[in-house]
Protein backbone atom coordinates (compact mmCIF):
# COMPACT_ATOMS: atom_id res chain seq x y z
CA MET A 1 -2.49 22.48 7.99
CA TYR A 2 0.50 22.72 5.67
CA GLN A 3 2.74 25.13 3.80
CA LEU A 4 3.72 24.50 0.18
CA HIS A 5 7.01 25.70 -1.30
CA THR A 6 7.96 24.96 -4.89
CA LEU A 7 11.58 25.18 -5.97
CA ALA A 8 12.58 26.60 -9.35
CA ASN A 9 12.99 23.06 -10.74
CA GLY A 10 9.38 22.21 -9.83
CA LEU A 11 10.10 20.17 -6.71
CA ARG A 12 7.23 20.56 -4.23
CA ILE A 13 8.03 20.75 -0.53
CA TYR A 14 5.25 20.42 2.03
CA PHE A 15 5.79 21.64 5.57
CA VAL A 16 3.40 20.21 8.20
CA PRO A 17 4.53 21.97 11.38
CA VAL A 18 3.46 20.67 14.81
CA SER A 19 5.26 22.74 17.43
CA SER A 20 4.09 20.54 20.32
CA PHE A 21 6.10 17.57 18.99
CA GLN A 22 9.72 16.96 19.92
CA SER A 23 10.44 15.01 16.75
CA VAL A 24 10.62 15.73 13.05
CA SER A 25 9.94 13.28 10.23
CA LEU A 26 11.14 13.79 6.69
CA GLY A 27 9.87 11.83 3.72
CA ILE A 28 10.73 11.70 0.04
CA PHE A 29 7.71 10.37 -1.83
CA VAL A 30 8.31 9.14 -5.39
CA ARG A 31 5.43 8.29 -7.74
CA VAL A 32 6.86 4.99 -8.95
CA GLY A 33 6.17 1.38 -8.05
CA SER A 34 5.52 -2.04 -9.50
CA ARG A 35 2.71 -0.92 -11.84
CA TYR A 36 5.22 1.17 -13.80
CA GLU A 37 7.41 -1.85 -14.61
CA ARG A 38 7.57 -4.04 -17.67
CA PRO A 39 7.52 -7.83 -17.02
CA ALA A 40 11.27 -8.23 -17.64
CA GLU A 41 12.06 -5.56 -15.03
CA ALA A 42 9.53 -6.66 -12.40
CA GLY A 43 10.81 -5.71 -8.98
CA VAL A 44 13.16 -2.94 -10.16
CA SER A 45 11.40 -0.22 -8.11
CA HIS A 46 11.84 -2.30 -4.96
CA PHE A 47 15.45 -3.14 -5.92
CA ILE A 48 16.23 0.59 -6.21
CA GLU A 49 14.73 1.16 -2.78
CA HIS A 50 17.25 -1.32 -1.36
CA MET A 51 20.19 0.07 -3.31
CA LEU A 52 19.74 3.65 -2.13
CA PHE A 53 20.72 2.49 1.36
CA LYS A 54 23.91 0.81 0.11
CA GLY A 55 26.06 3.89 -0.42
CA THR A 56 26.37 7.35 -1.94
CA THR A 57 29.32 9.36 -3.19
CA ARG A 58 29.57 11.08 0.20
CA ARG A 59 28.62 8.06 2.32
CA PRO A 60 30.00 5.08 0.40
CA SER A 61 28.60 2.26 2.54
CA ALA A 62 25.36 1.11 4.13
CA ARG A 63 27.05 1.23 7.51
CA ILE A 64 27.90 4.93 7.21
CA ILE A 65 24.35 5.78 6.15
CA ALA A 66 22.87 3.81 9.05
CA GLU A 67 25.31 5.18 11.62
CA THR A 68 24.68 8.77 10.57
CA ILE A 69 20.99 8.45 11.43
CA GLU A 70 21.24 6.04 14.34
CA GLY A 71 24.17 8.00 15.76
CA VAL A 72 21.76 10.80 16.64
CA GLY A 73 19.09 8.41 17.95
CA GLY A 74 16.99 8.48 14.80
CA MET A 75 15.55 5.83 12.54
CA SER A 76 15.20 5.55 8.78
CA ASN A 77 13.51 3.16 6.41
CA ALA A 78 11.72 2.88 3.08
CA TYR A 79 8.98 0.91 1.38
CA THR A 80 7.72 0.21 -2.13
CA SER A 81 4.10 -0.26 -3.15
CA GLN A 82 2.31 -0.64 -6.46
CA GLU A 83 2.33 3.11 -7.10
CA ALA A 84 4.83 4.76 -4.76
CA THR A 85 8.26 4.42 -3.19
CA VAL A 86 8.87 6.28 0.06
CA TYR A 87 12.07 7.05 1.97
CA TYR A 88 11.76 8.51 5.43
CA ALA A 89 13.64 9.33 8.61
CA LYS A 90 12.49 10.35 12.06
CA VAL A 91 14.82 12.17 14.44
CA ALA A 92 14.76 14.50 17.41
CA ALA A 93 13.84 18.02 16.31
CA ALA A 94 17.40 19.30 16.79
CA GLN A 95 18.71 16.73 14.27
CA ALA A 96 16.45 17.63 11.35
CA SER A 97 19.35 18.85 9.23
CA THR A 98 21.21 15.55 9.61
CA ALA A 99 18.24 13.48 8.45
CA LEU A 100 17.54 15.82 5.57
CA ASP A 101 21.13 15.68 4.37
CA VAL A 102 21.17 11.87 4.41
CA LEU A 103 17.86 11.43 2.55
CA ALA A 104 18.74 14.02 -0.08
CA ASP A 105 22.14 12.39 -0.56
CA MET A 106 20.52 8.97 -1.06
CA VAL A 107 18.16 10.07 -3.82
CA ARG A 108 20.65 12.36 -5.54
CA HIS A 109 23.96 10.49 -5.43
CA PRO A 110 23.52 6.71 -5.09
CA LEU A 111 26.55 4.66 -6.09
CA PHE A 112 24.82 1.52 -7.37
CA GLU A 113 28.20 -0.13 -6.74
CA PRO A 114 28.41 -3.38 -8.79
CA THR A 115 29.50 -5.60 -5.90
CA GLU A 116 26.72 -4.28 -3.68
CA PHE A 117 24.27 -4.71 -6.55
CA GLU A 118 25.08 -8.42 -6.80
CA LYS A 119 24.88 -8.91 -3.04
CA GLU A 120 21.50 -7.20 -2.91
CA ARG A 121 20.22 -9.35 -5.77
CA TYR A 122 20.81 -12.35 -3.48
CA VAL A 123 19.27 -10.58 -0.45
CA ILE A 124 16.09 -9.74 -2.37
CA GLY A 125 15.96 -13.34 -3.57
CA GLU A 126 15.87 -14.36 0.09
CA GLU A 127 13.11 -11.82 0.69
CA LEU A 128 11.13 -13.44 -2.11
CA ASN A 129 11.73 -16.87 -0.53
CA MET A 130 10.51 -15.54 2.81
CA ILE A 131 7.26 -14.32 1.23
CA TYR A 132 6.76 -17.68 -0.48
CA ASP A 133 7.38 -19.52 2.79
CA SER A 134 4.65 -17.42 4.48
CA PRO A 135 1.48 -18.83 2.91
CA ASP A 136 -0.71 -15.97 4.10
CA SER A 137 1.61 -13.47 2.39
CA TRP A 138 1.91 -15.64 -0.69
CA ALA A 139 -1.87 -15.92 -0.98
CA ASN A 140 -2.01 -12.13 -1.29
CA VAL A 141 0.65 -12.21 -4.04
CA LEU A 142 -1.40 -14.81 -5.92
CA LEU A 143 -4.56 -12.76 -5.37
CA ASP A 144 -3.10 -9.78 -7.26
CA GLN A 145 -2.27 -12.12 -10.15
CA VAL A 146 -5.86 -13.36 -10.21
CA LEU A 147 -7.33 -9.88 -9.83
CA TRP A 148 -5.13 -8.25 -12.50
CA PRO A 149 -3.88 -11.04 -14.81
CA ASN A 150 -1.19 -10.13 -17.35
CA HIS A 151 -1.03 -6.59 -15.98
CA PRO A 152 1.68 -4.80 -13.95
CA LEU A 153 -0.71 -4.47 -11.00
CA GLY A 154 -0.66 -8.25 -10.79
CA HIS A 155 3.13 -8.44 -10.44
CA ASN A 156 4.79 -9.23 -7.14
CA ILE A 157 6.30 -5.95 -5.89
CA VAL A 158 9.50 -7.83 -5.01
CA GLY A 159 9.72 -9.31 -8.52
CA THR A 160 10.21 -12.90 -9.65
CA PRO A 161 13.26 -15.19 -9.58
CA GLU A 162 13.53 -14.71 -13.34
CA SER A 163 13.35 -10.90 -13.28
CA LEU A 164 15.82 -10.71 -10.39
CA THR A 165 18.25 -12.88 -12.31
CA SER A 166 17.99 -10.91 -15.55
CA LEU A 167 18.01 -7.37 -14.12
CA SER A 168 21.27 -5.54 -14.81
CA ARG A 169 22.88 -2.69 -12.93
CA ASP A 170 22.70 -0.49 -16.05
CA SER A 171 18.98 -1.06 -16.51
CA LEU A 172 18.39 -0.34 -12.82
CA ALA A 173 20.35 2.91 -13.07
CA ALA A 174 18.43 3.94 -16.20
CA TYR A 175 15.10 3.24 -14.50
CA PHE A 176 16.22 5.30 -11.51
CA THR A 177 17.19 8.27 -13.68
CA ALA A 178 13.86 8.19 -15.52
CA SER A 179 11.77 7.92 -12.33
CA TYR A 180 13.55 9.97 -9.67
CA HIS A 181 13.28 13.66 -10.46
CA PRO A 182 11.41 16.78 -9.24
CA GLY A 183 8.38 16.25 -11.48
CA ASN A 184 7.77 12.79 -10.08
CA ALA A 185 8.59 13.29 -6.40
CA LEU A 186 7.88 15.55 -3.47
CA ILE A 187 9.23 16.22 0.00
CA ALA A 188 7.06 16.29 3.13
CA ILE A 189 8.24 17.26 6.60
CA GLY A 190 6.17 16.97 9.75
CA GLY A 191 6.77 17.88 13.37
CA ALA A 192 8.90 20.53 15.07
CA PHE A 193 11.35 22.35 12.80
CA ASN A 194 12.40 25.78 11.61
CA PRO A 195 10.78 26.22 8.16
CA ASP A 196 13.19 28.93 6.98
CA HIS A 197 16.28 26.88 7.84
CA ILE A 198 14.88 23.68 6.31
CA LEU A 199 13.81 25.44 3.11
CA ALA A 200 17.28 26.94 2.69
CA GLU A 201 18.91 23.56 3.20
CA LEU A 202 16.53 21.83 0.79
CA THR A 203 17.16 24.45 -1.84
CA ALA A 204 20.92 23.93 -1.52
CA LEU A 205 20.63 20.13 -1.62
CA LEU A 206 17.90 19.64 -4.23
CA GLY A 207 17.61 22.90 -6.13
CA ASP A 208 19.78 21.64 -9.02
CA TRP A 209 17.89 18.32 -9.34
CA GLU A 210 17.08 18.09 -13.04
CA PRO A 211 13.40 17.73 -13.98
CA ARG A 212 12.35 15.11 -16.53
CA GLN A 213 9.19 13.67 -18.08
CA ILE A 214 6.76 11.88 -15.77
CA PRO A 215 6.75 8.10 -16.44
CA PRO A 216 3.46 6.66 -17.76
CA PHE A 217 1.66 3.62 -16.40
CA GLU A 218 -0.54 1.02 -18.04
CA PRO A 219 -4.26 1.74 -17.45
CA VAL A 220 -6.36 -0.76 -15.59
CA PRO A 221 -7.84 -3.52 -17.82
CA PRO A 222 -11.59 -3.70 -18.60
CA PRO A 223 -13.89 -5.17 -15.92
CA GLN A 224 -13.92 -8.95 -15.69
CA THR A 225 -16.99 -10.86 -16.81
CA ARG A 226 -16.53 -14.11 -14.85
CA ALA A 227 -15.38 -15.04 -11.37
CA ARG A 228 -11.77 -16.26 -11.22
CA TRP A 229 -9.82 -18.37 -8.77
CA HIS A 230 -6.43 -19.97 -8.30
CA VAL A 231 -5.54 -22.76 -5.88
CA GLU A 232 -1.96 -23.56 -4.87
CA ASP A 233 -1.99 -26.98 -3.27
CA ARG A 234 0.43 -27.25 -0.34
CA SER A 235 0.78 -29.82 2.40
CA ILE A 236 0.41 -27.40 5.33
CA GLU A 237 -1.78 -27.40 8.43
CA GLN A 238 -3.85 -24.29 7.71
CA GLY A 239 -5.64 -23.07 4.62
CA HIS A 240 -5.33 -19.44 3.55
CA LEU A 241 -8.19 -17.83 1.63
CA CYS A 242 -8.00 -14.41 -0.05
CA LEU A 243 -11.14 -13.16 -1.74
CA ALA A 244 -11.12 -9.84 -3.60
CA LEU A 245 -13.47 -7.60 -5.50
CA PRO A 246 -12.41 -4.72 -7.75
CA GLY A 247 -12.90 -1.63 -5.62
CA LEU A 248 -12.78 2.11 -6.20
CA SER A 249 -9.98 4.47 -7.09
CA ARG A 250 -8.64 7.04 -4.66
CA HIS A 251 -10.42 9.70 -6.75
CA ASP A 252 -13.90 8.17 -6.48
CA PRO A 253 -16.25 10.26 -4.29
CA GLU A 254 -17.83 7.04 -2.99
CA ARG A 255 -14.52 5.89 -1.48
CA TYR A 256 -15.50 7.19 1.95
CA ALA A 257 -18.71 5.17 1.95
CA LEU A 258 -16.63 2.18 0.88
CA SER A 259 -14.31 2.79 3.84
CA VAL A 260 -17.31 2.61 6.17
CA LEU A 261 -18.50 -0.55 4.43
CA ASN A 262 -15.08 -2.13 4.85
CA ALA A 263 -15.03 -1.28 8.56
CA VAL A 264 -18.47 -2.85 8.99
CA LEU A 265 -17.33 -5.94 7.15
CA GLY A 266 -13.88 -6.74 8.49
CA GLU A 267 -11.99 -4.09 10.47
CA GLY A 268 -11.49 -4.86 14.13
CA MET A 269 -12.83 -7.38 16.60
CA SER A 270 -16.37 -6.01 16.44
CA SER A 271 -16.67 -6.32 12.65
CA ARG A 272 -19.16 -8.69 11.08
CA LEU A 273 -16.59 -11.11 9.71
CA PHE A 274 -14.79 -11.39 13.05
CA LEU A 275 -17.96 -11.80 15.11
CA ASN A 276 -19.60 -14.27 12.73
CA ILE A 277 -16.75 -16.35 11.38
CA ARG A 278 -14.49 -16.42 14.44
CA GLU A 279 -16.64 -15.77 17.50
CA GLU A 280 -19.93 -17.42 16.48
CA LYS A 281 -18.86 -20.18 14.09
CA GLY A 282 -15.25 -20.75 15.21
CA LEU A 283 -14.13 -21.10 11.58
CA ALA A 284 -10.96 -18.99 11.66
CA TYR A 285 -8.40 -17.50 14.00
CA ALA A 286 -7.58 -14.59 11.66
CA VAL A 287 -10.20 -13.00 9.45
CA ASP A 288 -10.38 -9.41 8.22
CA SER A 289 -10.94 -7.13 5.25
CA SER A 290 -8.99 -4.21 3.82
CA LEU A 291 -9.03 -1.66 1.00
CA ASN A 292 -6.44 -0.81 -1.61
CA LEU A 293 -7.13 2.50 -3.37
CA LEU A 294 -5.12 3.15 -6.54
CA GLN A 295 -5.05 5.85 -9.22
CA ASP A 296 -7.65 4.30 -11.51
CA THR A 297 -8.90 1.23 -9.66
CA GLY A 298 -8.75 -0.50 -6.30
CA SER A 299 -9.71 -3.64 -4.43
CA LEU A 300 -11.63 -4.86 -1.43
CA VAL A 301 -9.75 -7.85 0.02
CA ILE A 302 -10.93 -10.41 2.57
CA TYR A 303 -8.47 -12.80 4.24
CA ALA A 304 -9.15 -15.84 6.41
CA GLY A 305 -6.84 -18.50 7.84
CA VAL A 306 -8.98 -21.63 8.21
CA ASP A 307 -9.06 -25.34 8.92
CA PRO A 308 -8.84 -26.84 5.40
CA GLU A 309 -11.71 -29.23 6.16
CA ARG A 310 -13.98 -26.28 6.95
CA ALA A 311 -12.74 -23.94 4.23
CA PRO A 312 -15.90 -24.26 2.08
CA GLU A 313 -18.03 -23.43 5.12
CA ALA A 314 -15.84 -20.39 5.87
CA LEU A 315 -15.95 -19.16 2.29
CA GLN A 316 -19.73 -19.54 2.19
CA ALA A 317 -20.01 -17.54 5.41
CA ILE A 318 -17.92 -14.76 3.83
CA LEU A 319 -20.09 -14.77 0.71
CA ASP A 320 -23.20 -14.59 2.91
CA GLU A 321 -21.86 -11.52 4.69
CA LEU A 322 -21.19 -9.86 1.33
CA ASP A 323 -24.73 -10.68 0.20
CA ARG A 324 -26.09 -9.22 3.42
CA LEU A 325 -24.35 -5.90 2.75
CA CYS A 326 -26.16 -5.71 -0.60
CA MET A 327 -29.56 -6.59 0.82
CA GLU A 328 -29.89 -4.80 4.18
CA PRO A 329 -29.11 -1.21 5.19
CA ILE A 330 -26.68 -0.92 8.09
CA PRO A 331 -28.68 -0.49 11.33
CA PRO A 332 -28.32 2.95 12.96
CA ALA A 333 -26.50 1.73 16.06
CA GLU A 334 -23.94 -0.25 14.02
CA LEU A 335 -23.44 2.64 11.62
CA HIS A 336 -22.79 5.03 14.51
CA LYS A 337 -20.30 2.60 16.08
CA VAL A 338 -18.37 2.16 12.84
CA LYS A 339 -18.21 5.88 12.14
CA GLU A 340 -16.79 6.51 15.60
CA TYR A 341 -14.29 3.70 15.05
CA LEU A 342 -13.05 5.23 11.78
CA LYS A 343 -12.94 8.74 13.19
CA GLY A 344 -11.03 7.60 16.26
CA ARG A 345 -8.53 5.62 14.20
CA LEU A 346 -7.96 8.63 11.94
CA VAL A 347 -7.28 10.94 14.88
CA LEU A 348 -5.03 8.45 16.70
CA GLY A 349 -3.16 7.68 13.49
CA LEU A 350 -2.12 11.32 13.15
CA GLU A 351 -0.43 11.49 16.56
CA ASP A 352 2.97 11.06 14.92
CA SER A 353 5.19 13.41 12.94
CA PHE A 354 5.57 11.06 9.97
CA SER A 355 1.85 10.26 9.72
CA ARG A 356 1.15 14.02 9.60
CA ALA A 357 3.62 14.43 6.75
CA ALA A 358 2.33 11.34 4.91
CA TRP A 359 -1.29 12.53 5.19
CA VAL A 360 -0.43 15.57 3.10
CA ALA A 361 2.14 13.88 0.87
CA TYR A 362 -0.04 11.08 -0.47
CA GLN A 363 -2.84 13.45 -1.34
CA ALA A 364 -0.40 15.87 -2.98
CA LEU A 365 1.22 13.04 -4.96
CA PHE A 366 -2.02 11.66 -6.40
CA MET A 367 -4.92 14.02 -5.79
CA ASP A 368 -6.07 17.43 -7.01
CA VAL A 369 -7.26 18.51 -3.56
CA ILE A 370 -5.67 18.02 -0.14
CA ARG A 371 -8.36 17.50 2.48
CA THR A 372 -7.76 18.24 6.14
CA PRO A 373 -8.50 15.54 8.74
CA GLU A 374 -11.41 17.69 9.95
CA GLU A 375 -12.95 17.63 6.48
CA VAL A 376 -12.72 13.85 6.31
CA LEU A 377 -14.28 13.53 9.77
CA GLN A 378 -17.22 15.61 8.52
CA ILE A 379 -17.53 13.40 5.43
CA TYR A 380 -17.72 10.30 7.61
CA ASP A 381 -20.41 11.93 9.75
CA ALA A 382 -22.51 12.67 6.66
CA ILE A 383 -22.47 9.11 5.24
CA THR A 384 -25.83 7.37 5.42
CA ALA A 385 -26.91 3.75 5.41
CA GLU A 386 -28.26 4.35 1.91
CA ASP A 387 -24.81 5.52 0.74
CA ILE A 388 -23.27 2.28 2.00
CA LEU A 389 -25.98 0.13 0.46
CA ALA A 390 -25.47 1.87 -2.89
CA VAL A 391 -21.71 1.31 -2.93
CA ALA A 392 -22.17 -2.31 -1.81
CA GLN A 393 -24.52 -2.98 -4.71
CA LYS A 394 -22.06 -1.26 -7.04
CA ILE A 395 -18.99 -3.34 -6.24
CA ILE A 396 -20.20 -6.62 -4.69
CA ILE A 397 -20.92 -8.47 -7.90
CA PRO A 398 -20.35 -12.26 -7.92
CA ARG A 399 -18.96 -12.26 -11.47
CA ALA A 400 -16.20 -9.97 -10.14
CA TYR A 401 -15.10 -12.32 -7.35
CA ASN A 402 -11.43 -13.27 -7.32
CA LEU A 403 -10.15 -16.03 -5.04
CA ALA A 404 -6.61 -17.13 -4.25
CA VAL A 405 -6.06 -20.11 -1.96
CA VAL A 406 -2.96 -21.74 -0.47
CA GLY A 407 -3.27 -25.00 1.41
CA PRO A 408 -4.06 -28.72 1.13
CA PHE A 409 -6.97 -28.29 -1.27
CA GLY A 410 -5.99 -30.29 -4.34
CA GLN A 411 -7.71 -28.60 -7.28
CA GLY A 412 -10.02 -26.71 -4.93
CA GLU A 413 -13.22 -27.68 -6.73
CA ASP A 414 -15.38 -27.21 -3.62
CA LEU A 415 -14.23 -23.62 -3.28
CA GLY A 416 -14.49 -22.78 -6.98
CA ASN A 417 -17.98 -24.28 -7.12
CA LEU A 418 -19.14 -21.85 -4.44
CA LEU A 419 -18.12 -18.92 -6.64
CA ASP A 420 -19.87 -20.50 -9.62
CA GLU A 421 -23.03 -20.94 -7.57
CA ALA A 422 -22.93 -17.36 -6.30
CA GLU A 423 -22.54 -16.12 -9.87
CA SER A 424 -25.33 -18.29 -11.25
CA VAL A 425 -27.80 -16.95 -8.67
CA THR A 426 -27.33 -13.39 -9.99
CA VAL A 427 -27.20 -14.16 -13.73
């Protein structure tokens, strides 16, 4: 599925060739994100992501960087998460060298020009305002704070107004130097390309990149002992509910059973939450669930946008569906349908040169073993209703409920009381 090459400085390069494609995608995956930040520097990983597009010694402006990629019909972008920052470009196969040169230049020779730094501070402030003005997005920010209080995992990836104001160019540059190096990053390339040519170019561009120590991160806090909730009262038309449970890490062997459970619960228009809460009860327009798998923890998150007057009814319906997962094995027909859904989504999701590269890169960045898609398909096939029931009973514990709400709810006593009642039933 892939070829691994390791340069003398320790930089790992993963080739994921697909000769039938006419594109090539290149990604630089760095093991750094918001969980590596101290409170005073919250948002610095995301700030660096922005600044790498603002100019290098060879391409001293954002316009030159953009035009170099777009001038050959390609596209480039980046994103920051809690545990990783990723830079990528996708171009026609014949332009692989151009994309590679630009990405390598960005991570090796950023200018961090002071004027651009100040402008980007303002731009990111507007990004933070945009998130706040989107109550569904803001509810998810608040949910992380409830789920992981006083911990880096609970920080907004974009930062806070205070951290953006206090962050200096020098501290950003120092954080970059400590985090961006061969021991903490890897390269993944998917699609149609000449491996010998690309390896030679990578060696020339990145072979002298100096290795450093891998940055540490703060371990996950001990399990909570009581349900927690936070209500942000706003005079808006719709209420936004985010309910989370601590999930599993990306290393946990039960994570595949949890993926099936999540699909049963809230993935797609045939999931239980969608059919019950939207189609049968008419309580929400948007309702779904998702998983976040991290190095030593994770979360199962349920979102619903609801009529504020019916929010308690919607929350109770969600809690009932969670209880049902703990009490009843998944019927055979539903289990078969969900397995086929997950398998189909996996296969369809890999019909792209970047997704092929990312499949290998994320496993290489965080895992000891890189599984092929075929191996994961076999794992899904082998999961039983008993496996799903066991993982449901392991993680769906009312004392571990975390709720974040944005909307016209006042103090939200009706919603908090439902969590208290659910917890008291199991005590």
